C-alpha atoms as a PDB file:
ATOM      1  CA  MET A   1     -12.576 -56.135 -17.244  1.00  0.00           C
ATOM      2  CA  GLN A   2     -11.628 -52.535 -17.727  1.00  0.00           C
ATOM      3  CA  PRO A   3      -9.851 -51.316 -20.861  1.00  0.00           C
ATOM      4  CA  ALA A   4      -6.216 -50.318 -20.203  1.00  0.00           C
ATOM      5  CA  LEU A   5      -5.340 -46.722 -20.643  1.00  0.00           C
ATOM      6  CA  PRO A   6      -2.787 -45.889 -23.217  1.00  0.00           C
ATOM      7  CA  PRO A   7       0.510 -44.823 -21.665  1.00  0.00           C
ATOM      8  CA  GLU A   8       0.317 -41.239 -23.078  1.00  0.00           C
ATOM      9  CA  ALA A   9      -3.133 -40.588 -21.490  1.00  0.00           C
ATOM     10  CA  ALA A  10      -2.547 -39.078 -18.102  1.00  0.00           C
ATOM     11  CA  VAL A  11      -5.132 -38.930 -15.298  1.00  0.00           C
ATOM     12  CA  GLY A  12      -6.115 -35.392 -14.092  1.00  0.00           C
ATOM     13  CA  PRO A  13      -6.393 -32.050 -15.685  1.00  0.00           C
ATOM     14  CA  PRO A  14      -4.550 -31.530 -18.871  1.00  0.00           C
ATOM     15  CA  LYS A  15      -1.070 -29.972 -18.638  1.00  0.00           C
ATOM     16  CA  ARG A  16      -0.928 -26.262 -19.627  1.00  0.00           C
ATOM     17  CA  ASN A  17       1.760 -24.687 -21.593  1.00  0.00           C
ATOM     18  CA  LEU A  18       3.596 -22.050 -19.618  1.00  0.00           C
ATOM     19  CA  SER A  19       2.470 -19.359 -21.938  1.00  0.00           C
ATOM     20  CA  GLU A  20      -1.170 -20.080 -20.939  1.00  0.00           C
ATOM     21  CA  THR A  21      -1.089 -19.942 -17.223  1.00  0.00           C
ATOM     22  CA  VAL A  22      -2.973 -17.388 -15.082  1.00  0.00           C
ATOM     23  CA  TRP A  23       0.209 -15.834 -13.972  1.00  0.00           C
ATOM     24  CA  THR A  24       1.544 -15.197 -17.407  1.00  0.00           C
ATOM     25  CA  LYS A  25      -1.745 -13.710 -18.455  1.00  0.00           C
ATOM     26  CA  LEU A  26      -1.610 -11.297 -15.452  1.00  0.00           C
ATOM     27  CA  ASP A  27       1.999 -10.568 -16.200  1.00  0.00           C
ATOM     28  CA  ARG A  28       1.018  -9.647 -19.801  1.00  0.00           C
ATOM     29  CA  LYS A  29      -1.757  -7.390 -18.485  1.00  0.00           C
ATOM     30  CA  ALA A  30       0.535  -5.600 -16.052  1.00  0.00           C
ATOM     31  CA  THR A  31       3.155  -5.112 -18.757  1.00  0.00           C
ATOM     32  CA  ALA A  32       0.495  -3.660 -21.053  1.00  0.00           C
ATOM     33  CA  ILE A  33      -0.657  -1.230 -18.412  1.00  0.00           C
ATOM     34  CA  ALA A  34       2.910  -0.166 -17.674  1.00  0.00           C
ATOM     35  CA  GLU A  35       3.682   0.335 -21.424  1.00  0.00           C
ATOM     36  CA  PHE A  36       0.440   2.369 -21.830  1.00  0.00           C
ATOM     37  CA  THR A  37       1.266   4.534 -18.835  1.00  0.00           C
ATOM     38  CA  MET A  38       4.863   5.143 -19.909  1.00  0.00           C
ATOM     39  CA  ARG A  39       3.766   5.914 -23.524  1.00  0.00           C
ATOM     40  CA  GLN A  40       1.185   8.463 -22.002  1.00  0.00           C
ATOM     41  CA  TYR A  41       4.076   9.949 -19.902  1.00  0.00           C
ATOM     42  CA  ARG A  42       6.231  10.359 -22.837  1.00  0.00           C
ATOM     43  CA  LYS A  43       3.555  12.128 -24.928  1.00  0.00           C
ATOM     44  CA  LYS A  44       2.272  14.541 -22.314  1.00  0.00           C
ATOM     45  CA  ARG A  45       4.492  16.904 -20.517  1.00  0.00           C
ATOM     46  CA  SER A  46       1.594  18.143 -18.429  1.00  0.00           C
ATOM     47  CA  THR A  47       1.377  14.710 -16.790  1.00  0.00           C
ATOM     48  CA  TRP A  48       4.919  14.989 -15.502  1.00  0.00           C
ATOM     49  CA  VAL A  49       4.110  18.526 -14.285  1.00  0.00           C
ATOM     50  CA  LEU A  50       1.088  17.375 -12.378  1.00  0.00           C
ATOM     51  CA  GLY A  51       3.058  14.521 -10.940  1.00  0.00           C
ATOM     52  CA  ALA A  52       5.852  16.862  -9.843  1.00  0.00           C
ATOM     53  CA  VAL A  53       3.518  19.328  -8.332  1.00  0.00           C
ATOM     54  CA  GLY A  54       1.711  16.501  -6.489  1.00  0.00           C
ATOM     55  CA  ALA A  55       5.023  15.118  -5.151  1.00  0.00           C
ATOM     56  CA  LEU A  56       6.054  18.678  -4.002  1.00  0.00           C
ATOM     57  CA  LEU A  57       2.756  19.149  -2.159  1.00  0.00           C
ATOM     58  CA  VAL A  58       3.185  15.716  -0.436  1.00  0.00           C
ATOM     59  CA  CYS A  59       6.725  16.717   0.624  1.00  0.00           C
ATOM     60  CA  ILE A  60       5.648  20.091   2.017  1.00  0.00           C
ATOM     61  CA  VAL A  61       2.924  18.364   4.072  1.00  0.00           C
ATOM     62  CA  LEU A  62       5.458  15.846   5.198  1.00  0.00           C
ATOM     63  CA  LEU A  63       7.843  18.628   6.298  1.00  0.00           C
ATOM     64  CA  PHE A  64       5.061  20.308   8.290  1.00  0.00           C
ATOM     65  CA  TYR A  65       4.268  16.995  10.018  1.00  0.00           C
ATOM     66  CA  ILE A  66       8.014  16.336  10.848  1.00  0.00           C
ATOM     67  CA  ASP A  67       8.331  19.808  12.302  1.00  0.00           C
ATOM     68  CA  ALA A  68       5.307  19.357  14.420  1.00  0.00           C
ATOM     69  CA  MET A  69       6.446  16.009  15.727  1.00  0.00           C
ATOM     70  CA  ALA A  70       9.909  17.308  16.453  1.00  0.00           C
ATOM     71  CA  GLU A  71       8.445  20.307  18.358  1.00  0.00           C
ATOM     72  CA  GLY A  72       6.551  18.087  20.778  1.00  0.00           C
ATOM     73  CA  SER A  73       3.114  18.786  22.170  1.00  0.00           C
ATOM     74  CA  ASN A  74       2.244  22.055  23.895  1.00  0.00           C
ATOM     75  CA  LEU A  75      -0.040  20.679  26.613  1.00  0.00           C
ATOM     76  CA  PRO A  76      -1.276  22.560  29.636  1.00  0.00           C
ATOM     77  CA  ASP A  77       0.303  21.769  32.980  1.00  0.00           C
ATOM     78  CA  TRP A  78      -2.794  20.015  34.291  1.00  0.00           C
ATOM     79  CA  ILE A  79      -2.672  17.338  31.576  1.00  0.00           C
ATOM     80  CA  ALA A  80      -0.324  14.565  32.762  1.00  0.00           C
ATOM     81  CA  ASP A  81       0.117  10.845  32.843  1.00  0.00           C
ATOM     82  CA  ASN A  82      -1.191  10.218  36.299  1.00  0.00           C
ATOM     83  CA  ASP A  83      -1.185   6.370  36.195  1.00  0.00           C
ATOM     84  CA  GLY A  84       2.013   5.761  34.407  1.00  0.00           C
ATOM     85  CA  ASP A  85       0.604   3.868  31.435  1.00  0.00           C
ATOM     86  CA  GLY A  86       2.129   6.204  28.781  1.00  0.00           C
ATOM     87  CA  LEU A  87      -1.261   7.671  27.821  1.00  0.00           C
ATOM     88  CA  ILE A  88      -2.157  11.288  28.612  1.00  0.00           C
ATOM     89  CA  ASP A  89      -4.948  11.552  31.083  1.00  0.00           C
ATOM     90  CA  GLU A  90      -7.200  14.344  29.633  1.00  0.00           C
ATOM     91  CA  ASP A  91      -9.589  14.160  32.504  1.00  0.00           C
ATOM     92  CA  PRO A  92      -7.828  15.526  35.656  1.00  0.00           C
ATOM     93  CA  SER A  93     -10.532  14.206  37.958  1.00  0.00           C
ATOM     94  CA  GLU A  94      -9.557  11.496  40.463  1.00  0.00           C
ATOM     95  CA  TRP A  95     -12.152   9.005  39.252  1.00  0.00           C
ATOM     96  CA  ASP A  96     -10.463   5.593  38.853  1.00  0.00           C
ATOM     97  CA  GLY A  97     -13.212   3.936  36.776  1.00  0.00           C
ATOM     98  CA  SER A  98     -14.394   1.476  39.413  1.00  0.00           C
END
């Protein structure tokens, strides 16, 4: 005959307190990284300047890209969509691939 388990002893892994779960540990780590980053930003004005210059450069590149896409492509007359599939046929020969 097997001994009876006391009612307070549960089968399975022990229950964890919510302050000890993996997610709360990750949350603490992410918060610590964010606090460290914000502390560095408050202390160093040059960090903000570098961030602003980087954002400005990204915006300039984005503006050039938007301008090029709005202008369209300047393709020679012999380049066309010969088979109607929406792709440009860069080879003007009549070879059909068979």
